Protein backbone atom coordinates (compact mmCIF):
# COMPACT_ATOMS: atom_id res chain seq x y z
CA MET A 1 47.90 94.84 84.22
CA LYS A 2 48.96 98.16 82.14
CA ASN A 3 51.57 99.22 84.24
CA HIS A 4 53.08 95.54 84.16
CA THR A 5 52.09 95.57 79.82
CA LEU A 6 54.71 99.11 79.60
CA ILE A 7 57.68 97.53 81.82
CA ALA A 8 58.04 94.60 79.52
CA ILE A 9 57.61 96.54 76.92
CA ILE A 10 60.19 98.90 78.10
CA SER A 11 61.86 95.42 79.02
CA LEU A 12 62.21 93.95 76.28
CA SER A 13 63.63 97.26 74.25
CA ILE A 14 66.50 97.45 76.50
CA LEU A 15 67.22 93.88 75.90
CA THR A 16 67.34 94.43 71.97
CA LEU A 17 69.43 97.61 72.61
CA THR A 18 71.62 95.74 74.53
CA HIS A 19 72.13 92.31 72.26
CA LEU A 20 72.96 95.72 69.25
CA VAL A 21 75.45 96.51 71.35
CA TYR A 22 77.39 92.84 71.30
CA ILE A 23 76.47 92.60 67.51
CA PHE A 24 78.07 96.37 67.08
CA PRO A 25 81.36 96.46 68.70
CA GLN A 26 82.19 99.35 67.38
CA ILE A 27 82.40 101.07 70.66
CA GLY A 28 84.45 98.75 72.41
CA PHE A 29 84.20 97.06 75.07
CA SER A 30 85.55 98.21 78.07
CA GLN A 31 85.17 97.11 81.09
CA ASN A 32 82.12 99.92 81.60
CA ILE A 33 80.37 99.01 79.21
CA TYR A 34 80.03 95.30 80.01
CA THR A 35 79.10 96.06 83.57
CA ILE A 36 76.73 98.48 82.35
CA THR A 37 75.08 96.40 79.43
CA SER A 38 74.94 93.26 82.10
CA MET A 39 73.33 95.19 84.63
CA LEU A 40 70.55 97.00 82.53
CA GLN A 41 69.83 92.66 81.31
CA VAL A 42 69.74 91.97 84.80
CA LEU A 43 67.03 94.56 85.60
CA ALA A 44 65.51 93.57 81.80
CA TYR A 45 64.88 90.46 82.68
CA ALA A 46 63.39 91.25 85.94
CA GLY A 47 60.90 93.44 84.45
CA LEU A 48 60.15 90.20 81.88
CA THR A 49 59.92 87.88 85.02
CA ALA A 50 57.20 90.29 86.81
CA PHE A 51 55.19 90.60 83.78
CA PHE A 52 54.84 87.08 83.65
CA ILE A 53 54.46 86.66 87.04
CA LYS A 54 51.04 89.21 86.83
CA LEU A 55 50.01 87.26 83.62
CA TYR A 56 50.27 84.35 85.67
CA GLN A 57 47.80 85.50 88.52
CA LYS A 58 45.70 86.78 86.27
CA GLN A 59 45.00 83.48 84.78
CA LYS A 60 44.35 81.39 88.37
C-alpha cells in the first residue's frame, strides 16, 4: 500500500504542476508543451486510479 500511496502523491503533484502551466501561460502554448502536459495528466490519472483500485481491494 505504501508504494501506491507514494504514486498517488506524485500523481497529485504532477496534476497540480500541469494545471499551473495552464494558469500561467508565460511559457507559451506550443503544440509540444500541450502534448507533454496532456501525457503527464493521463499518467497522473492512471496513478490515481491504481491507488483507488488498491484501496478498494484492501477494503474487501
